[in-house]
Protein backbone atom coordinates (compact mmCIF):
# COMPACT_ATOMS: atom_id res chain seq x y z
CA UNK A 1 0.00 0.00 0.00
CA UNK A 2 1.44 3.39 -1.05
CA UNK A 3 1.45 6.07 1.64
CA UNK A 4 0.54 9.67 0.98
CA UNK A 5 3.72 11.68 0.28
CA UNK A 6 4.84 14.16 2.90
CA UNK A 7 6.02 16.57 0.21
CA UNK A 8 6.32 16.82 -3.57
CA UNK A 9 9.41 18.12 -5.35
CA UNK A 10 9.28 19.11 -9.01
CA UNK A 11 12.46 19.16 -11.07
CA UNK A 12 11.88 21.69 -13.85
CA UNK A 13 14.67 20.26 -16.03
CA UNK A 14 15.58 16.67 -16.75
CA UNK A 15 19.33 16.91 -16.27
CA UNK A 16 20.25 13.41 -15.08
CA UNK A 17 19.63 9.93 -16.48
CA UNK A 18 17.74 8.66 -13.41
CA UNK A 19 16.52 9.80 -10.00
CA UNK A 20 18.34 7.23 -7.87
CA UNK A 21 20.41 9.81 -6.00
CA UNK A 22 17.37 11.95 -5.26
CA UNK A 23 15.32 8.98 -4.02
CA UNK A 24 18.12 7.99 -1.67
CA UNK A 25 18.30 11.49 -0.19
CA UNK A 26 14.57 12.30 0.02
CA UNK A 27 13.47 8.86 1.16
CA UNK A 28 10.24 7.04 0.31
CA UNK A 29 7.83 9.68 1.62
CA UNK A 30 8.73 12.43 -0.85
CA UNK A 31 7.23 12.38 -4.31
CA UNK A 32 9.73 13.35 -7.02
CA UNK A 33 8.47 14.64 -10.37
CA UNK A 34 10.91 14.83 -13.27
CA UNK A 35 9.56 15.92 -16.68
CA UNK A 36 10.51 13.87 -19.71
CA UNK A 37 11.63 17.04 -21.50
CA UNK A 38 11.23 20.77 -20.99
CA UNK A 39 12.70 23.89 -22.51
CA UNK A 40 11.04 26.35 -20.12
CA UNK A 41 8.67 26.44 -17.16
CA UNK A 42 5.81 26.80 -19.64
CA UNK A 43 6.37 23.17 -20.70
CA UNK A 44 5.53 21.87 -17.23
CA UNK A 45 2.01 20.53 -16.80
CA UNK A 46 -0.50 22.44 -14.69
CA UNK A 47 -1.05 19.28 -12.64
CA UNK A 48 2.63 18.96 -11.72
CA UNK A 49 2.94 22.66 -10.93
CA UNK A 50 -0.13 22.54 -8.70
CA UNK A 51 1.32 19.63 -6.72
CA UNK A 52 4.81 21.04 -6.23
CA UNK A 53 5.90 22.23 -2.79
CA UNK A 54 9.54 22.33 -3.81
CA UNK A 55 10.80 23.52 -7.20
CA UNK A 56 14.29 22.77 -8.50
CA UNK A 57 15.72 25.26 -11.00
CA UNK A 58 18.97 24.93 -12.94
CA UNK A 59 18.90 27.27 -15.97
CA UNK A 60 15.29 28.45 -16.24
CA UNK A 61 14.12 31.88 -15.13
CA UNK A 62 11.26 32.24 -12.65
CA UNK A 63 9.16 35.41 -12.56
CA UNK A 64 6.01 36.51 -10.76
CA UNK A 65 3.69 35.17 -13.47
CA UNK A 66 5.40 31.78 -13.33
CA UNK A 67 4.81 31.57 -9.58
CA UNK A 68 1.05 31.86 -10.09
CA UNK A 69 1.09 28.29 -11.39
CA UNK A 70 2.47 26.97 -8.07
CA UNK A 71 -0.21 27.42 -5.35
CA UNK A 72 1.50 25.06 -2.87
CA UNK A 73 5.09 26.14 -3.43
CA UNK A 74 7.17 26.56 -0.28
CA UNK A 75 10.75 26.59 -1.58
CA UNK A 76 12.71 27.10 -4.79
CA UNK A 77 16.23 25.72 -4.94
CA UNK A 78 18.59 27.17 -7.49
CA UNK A 79 20.84 24.25 -8.38
CA UNK A 80 23.95 26.39 -8.32
CA UNK A 81 25.48 29.40 -6.59
CA UNK A 82 23.94 32.38 -8.40
CA UNK A 83 20.23 33.11 -8.04
CA UNK A 84 19.79 36.16 -10.27
CA UNK A 85 17.42 34.15 -12.52
CA UNK A 86 14.81 34.03 -9.73
CA UNK A 87 12.34 36.82 -8.89
CA UNK A 88 13.09 37.05 -5.20
CA UNK A 89 10.69 39.92 -4.58
CA UNK A 90 7.75 37.93 -5.97
CA UNK A 91 8.84 34.87 -4.02
CA UNK A 92 9.08 36.86 -0.79
CA UNK A 93 5.55 38.19 -1.27
CA UNK A 94 4.38 34.57 -1.40
CA UNK A 95 6.65 33.58 1.53
CA UNK A 96 8.49 31.15 -0.72
CA UNK A 97 12.03 30.40 0.40
CA UNK A 98 14.84 30.89 -2.11
CA UNK A 99 17.69 28.42 -1.62
CA UNK A 100 20.99 27.92 -3.40
CA UNK A 101 23.95 25.55 -3.34
CA UNK A 102 26.97 27.69 -2.45
CA UNK A 103 29.39 24.86 -1.72
CA UNK A 104 29.67 23.10 -5.06
CA UNK A 105 32.22 23.90 -7.77
CA UNK A 106 34.30 26.17 -5.53
CA UNK A 107 37.63 24.62 -6.45
CA UNK A 108 36.65 24.29 -10.11
CA UNK A 109 35.79 27.98 -10.54
CA UNK A 110 38.87 29.04 -8.58
CA UNK A 111 41.09 26.85 -10.74
CA UNK A 112 39.41 28.20 -13.89
CA UNK A 113 39.94 31.81 -12.84
CA UNK A 114 43.61 31.16 -12.16
CA UNK A 115 43.96 29.22 -15.42
CA UNK A 116 42.58 32.19 -17.36
CA UNK A 117 44.86 34.62 -15.53
CA UNK A 118 48.01 32.53 -15.81
CA UNK A 119 47.53 31.47 -19.42
CA UNK A 120 47.28 35.15 -20.34
CA UNK A 121 50.03 36.39 -18.04
CA UNK A 122 52.48 33.68 -19.16
CA UNK A 123 51.81 34.46 -22.82
CA UNK A 124 50.63 30.94 -23.60
CA UNK A 125 48.00 32.15 -26.03
CA UNK A 126 50.41 34.55 -27.70
CA UNK A 127 52.71 31.63 -28.41
CA UNK A 128 49.80 29.42 -29.45
CA UNK A 129 48.73 31.92 -32.10
CA UNK A 130 52.32 32.67 -33.18
CA UNK A 131 53.31 29.04 -33.68
CA UNK A 132 50.09 28.14 -35.50
CA UNK A 133 50.45 31.03 -37.94
CA UNK A 134 51.33 30.37 -41.57
CA UNK A 135 54.26 30.63 -41.68
CA UNK A 136 54.92 30.07 -37.96
CA UNK A 137 56.70 32.76 -36.01
CA UNK A 138 60.41 32.56 -35.28
CA UNK A 139 61.41 30.18 -32.49
CA UNK A 140 61.94 32.79 -29.81
CA UNK A 141 60.32 34.55 -26.89
CA UNK A 142 57.59 37.15 -27.25
CA UNK A 143 58.35 40.41 -25.47
CA UNK A 144 54.91 41.80 -24.67
CA UNK A 145 53.31 43.78 -21.79
CA UNK A 146 51.02 40.80 -21.23
CA UNK A 147 53.92 38.70 -19.92
CA UNK A 148 54.91 39.62 -16.37
CA UNK A 149 56.41 37.87 -13.36
CA UNK A 150 53.74 37.06 -10.77
CA UNK A 151 55.71 38.47 -7.85
CA UNK A 152 55.82 41.99 -9.33
CA UNK A 153 52.05 42.06 -9.80
CA UNK A 154 49.11 42.92 -7.60
CA UNK A 155 46.29 40.42 -8.00
CA UNK A 156 43.05 42.29 -7.26
CA UNK A 157 39.83 40.53 -6.32
CA UNK A 158 36.34 42.05 -6.29
CA UNK A 159 34.13 40.19 -3.79
CA UNK A 160 35.57 37.84 -1.16
CA UNK A 161 33.26 34.85 -0.80
CA UNK A 162 34.08 31.15 -0.92
CA UNK A 163 35.36 31.07 -4.49
CA UNK A 164 37.29 34.31 -4.16
CA UNK A 165 38.94 33.01 -0.99
CA UNK A 166 40.09 29.93 -2.89
CA UNK A 167 41.39 32.19 -5.69
CA UNK A 168 43.23 34.41 -3.20
CA UNK A 169 45.04 31.42 -1.71
CA UNK A 170 46.00 30.16 -5.17
CA UNK A 171 47.23 33.59 -6.26
CA UNK A 172 49.31 33.86 -3.07
CA UNK A 173 50.86 30.49 -3.81
CA UNK A 174 51.92 31.74 -7.24
CA UNK A 175 53.64 34.72 -5.65
CA UNK A 176 51.18 37.51 -6.40
CA UNK A 177 50.54 40.30 -3.94
CA UNK A 178 46.82 39.84 -3.28
CA UNK A 179 44.39 42.67 -2.47
CA UNK A 180 40.59 42.53 -2.36
CA UNK A 181 37.60 44.85 -2.14
CA UNK A 182 34.39 43.73 -0.45
CA UNK A 183 32.45 46.33 1.56
CA UNK A 184 30.16 43.70 3.08
CA UNK A 185 32.79 41.74 5.00
CA UNK A 186 33.78 42.55 8.59
CA UNK A 187 37.23 43.79 9.48
CA UNK A 188 39.87 41.13 9.91
CA UNK A 189 39.09 38.83 6.99
CA UNK A 190 42.33 39.98 5.38
CA UNK A 191 44.28 39.02 8.50
CA UNK A 192 42.96 35.49 8.45
CA UNK A 193 43.93 35.05 4.79
CA UNK A 194 47.22 36.90 4.98
CA UNK A 195 46.28 39.30 2.18
CA UNK A 196 45.49 43.01 1.96
CA UNK A 197 42.25 44.93 1.72
CA UNK A 198 41.28 48.02 -0.27
CA UNK A 199 38.86 50.50 1.27
CA UNK A 200 37.22 51.40 -2.06
CA UNK A 201 36.82 49.93 -5.51
CA UNK A 202 38.90 52.73 -6.99
CA UNK A 203 41.72 52.07 -4.54
CA UNK A 204 41.72 48.41 -5.55
CA UNK A 205 41.63 48.99 -9.29
CA UNK A 206 44.34 51.65 -9.39
CA UNK A 207 46.88 49.18 -7.95
CA UNK A 208 45.69 46.01 -9.70
CA UNK A 209 47.67 44.37 -12.49
CA UNK A 210 45.49 41.26 -12.77
CA UNK A 211 41.85 41.55 -11.75
CA UNK A 212 39.52 38.64 -10.92
CA UNK A 213 35.79 39.26 -10.37
CA UNK A 214 33.86 37.12 -7.87
CA UNK A 215 30.89 39.14 -6.65
CA UNK A 216 27.30 37.90 -7.08
CA UNK A 217 25.04 39.75 -9.51
CA UNK A 218 22.78 42.10 -7.54
CA UNK A 219 21.31 45.55 -8.05
CA UNK A 220 24.46 46.89 -6.42
CA UNK A 221 26.92 45.00 -8.62
CA UNK A 222 25.17 45.17 -12.01
CA UNK A 223 27.40 47.34 -14.25
CA UNK A 224 29.83 47.71 -11.36
CA UNK A 225 32.80 47.83 -13.74
CA UNK A 226 32.23 50.26 -16.61
CA UNK A 227 34.60 52.21 -18.82
CA UNK A 228 35.45 54.68 -16.04
CA UNK A 229 36.19 51.99 -13.47
CA UNK A 230 38.15 49.74 -15.84
CA UNK A 231 40.20 52.76 -16.93
CA UNK A 232 41.45 53.04 -13.33
CA UNK A 233 43.41 49.83 -13.92
CA UNK A 234 47.06 50.45 -14.85
CA UNK A 235 47.95 50.18 -18.52
CA UNK A 236 48.73 46.56 -19.38
CA UNK A 237 46.28 45.06 -16.86
CA UNK A 238 44.42 41.78 -17.31
CA UNK A 239 40.73 41.29 -16.42
CA UNK A 240 39.20 37.89 -15.61
CA UNK A 241 35.49 37.32 -14.92
CA UNK A 242 34.09 33.97 -13.78
CA UNK A 243 31.16 35.48 -11.84
CA UNK A 244 28.32 37.00 -13.92
CA UNK A 245 28.47 38.80 -17.26
CA UNK A 246 26.43 41.94 -16.41
CA UNK A 247 28.87 42.92 -13.65
CA UNK A 248 31.28 44.21 -16.33
CA UNK A 249 30.52 46.41 -19.32
CA UNK A 250 31.65 44.09 -22.13
CA UNK A 251 31.80 46.97 -24.62
CA UNK A 252 34.18 48.80 -22.30
CA UNK A 253 36.38 45.69 -22.25
CA UNK A 254 36.42 45.75 -26.06
CA UNK A 255 37.36 49.43 -26.16
CA UNK A 256 40.19 49.07 -23.65
CA UNK A 257 41.57 45.85 -25.12
CA UNK A 258 41.51 47.26 -28.64
CA UNK A 259 43.26 50.51 -27.67
CA UNK A 260 45.89 48.65 -25.65
CA UNK A 261 45.00 49.88 -22.17
CA UNK A 262 44.17 46.28 -21.24
CA UNK A 263 46.71 43.63 -22.21
CA UNK A 264 44.36 40.68 -21.88
CA UNK A 265 40.82 39.58 -21.00
CA UNK A 266 39.53 36.18 -19.86
CA UNK A 267 35.77 35.64 -19.62
CA UNK A 268 33.72 32.63 -18.59
CA UNK A 269 30.55 34.73 -18.56
CA UNK A 270 28.96 37.31 -20.88
CA UNK A 271 25.91 39.56 -20.37
CA UNK A 272 23.46 37.41 -22.37
CA UNK A 273 23.82 33.62 -22.22
CA UNK A 274 23.76 31.91 -24.56
CA UNK A 275 24.81 34.84 -26.77
CA UNK A 276 22.30 36.04 -29.35
CA UNK A 277 22.79 38.16 -32.44
CA UNK A 278 23.94 40.83 -32.60
CA UNK A 279 26.66 39.63 -30.24
CA UNK A 280 28.82 42.19 -28.41
CA UNK A 281 31.76 43.63 -30.32
CA UNK A 282 34.24 41.76 -28.12
CA UNK A 283 32.72 38.41 -28.99
CA UNK A 284 32.26 39.29 -32.66
CA UNK A 285 35.93 40.20 -32.98
CA UNK A 286 36.97 37.08 -31.04
CA UNK A 287 35.02 34.82 -33.37
CA UNK A 288 36.36 36.68 -36.39
CA UNK A 289 39.91 36.26 -35.04
CA UNK A 290 40.71 39.92 -35.42
CA UNK A 291 44.33 40.75 -34.70
CA UNK A 292 43.70 42.73 -31.51
CA UNK A 293 42.10 39.68 -29.86
CA UNK A 294 44.66 37.03 -30.84
CA UNK A 295 46.48 35.71 -27.80
CA UNK A 296 44.83 38.36 -25.61
CA UNK A 297 41.25 37.18 -25.26
CA UNK A 298 39.77 33.90 -23.97
CA UNK A 299 36.03 33.25 -23.78
CA UNK A 300 34.66 30.02 -22.31
CA UNK A 301 30.92 29.15 -22.25
CA UNK A 302 30.11 29.54 -18.54
CA UNK A 303 31.83 26.22 -17.93
CA UNK A 304 34.15 27.15 -15.06
CA UNK A 305 32.05 25.21 -12.56
CA UNK A 306 32.22 21.93 -14.45
CA UNK A 307 33.91 18.68 -13.64
CA UNK A 308 32.02 15.38 -13.47
CA UNK A 309 32.51 15.52 -9.71
CA UNK A 310 31.04 19.03 -9.45
CA UNK A 311 28.08 17.99 -11.61
CA UNK A 312 27.39 15.17 -9.17
CA UNK A 313 27.73 17.59 -6.25
CA UNK A 314 25.06 19.88 -7.74
CA UNK A 315 22.69 16.95 -7.81
CA UNK A 316 23.23 15.65 -4.29
CA UNK A 317 23.69 18.99 -2.52
CA UNK A 318 20.57 20.46 -4.17
CA UNK A 319 18.48 17.52 -2.99
CA UNK A 320 19.92 17.77 0.52
CA UNK A 321 19.14 21.50 0.61
CA UNK A 322 15.55 21.02 -0.55
CA UNK A 323 15.07 18.11 1.83
CA UNK A 324 16.16 20.25 4.80
CA UNK A 325 13.81 23.05 3.73
CA UNK A 326 10.72 20.86 3.34
CA UNK A 327 11.33 18.19 5.97
CA UNK A 328 13.65 19.88 8.47
CA UNK A 329 15.05 20.05 10.98
CA UNK A 330 16.20 23.45 9.66
CA UNK A 331 16.34 25.07 6.21
CA UNK A 332 19.84 25.63 4.86
CA UNK A 333 21.32 28.08 2.35
CA UNK A 334 18.31 30.40 2.53
CA UNK A 335 18.80 33.63 0.58
CA UNK A 336 17.36 36.61 2.51
CA UNK A 337 14.84 38.58 0.45
CA UNK A 338 16.61 41.87 1.16
CA UNK A 339 20.22 40.74 0.57
CA UNK A 340 20.58 42.87 -2.59
């Protein structure tokens, strides 16, 4: 005899081949609904939406109109770190908890950020392009402002959360002088990490040779780094972004890379994902292999988080987070409605 489920969890996207991991975590008393295929929330049946008390979101956006289809909803779990694709104001009005999974992919994103920075700063891409040219370049070094010893550089970090902390420790290990800016952290964080702290964004940028961005996307951080701010960086600086695309003005990056103020740019994120036509000038020139991008620009498709192990972590940690929210004893990773 089948018992009545204690709670029902709806997975909006069918991302895994089975639900064995979820069933092990939730136990027999939680009903799990996984659609056969869906390209948006609109593809979910009204029946499934009406039953859902927990909603799992990976890539889809959720707005106020979407929430009207979920009369019993108590929690939405963003299966990842960022939650800018969820309408938190509308959720708060309905007293729906917003949850995330902040502890997956930390090492992967940190490694990716350092890989972008080091591959640019060691001139690997300059040599890649030079040796693949027809005819190949002479067998010798490339003397370029992009190539600099780590120990003579300041590695600047915007935002000092879990991933940024991992990046700071890696940058220290490579010999960089590390400085960060994060107005939301209490005094003393820098002492625990053995790094330095800037009082303002301008103070950070004016001394930064290699910049890595790790702040979440909020009202405060959207367009945080525009042409004015990026121009504060010293000539020959490198900018790396593995956080969210709209934090940086991508057209400003194009302007400053093309005129030589920036020596290199590494992006895992862009303002609109996936990109749609007309794509930003920086991406257009990158795809067209224009000279000013060769060896100086890397764009990866928001893949910094990925390893097979991290993908498995998303699955298990998301289920554990939703289980705690619906069944207790205490909800975890709850995003406050006013944290912007």
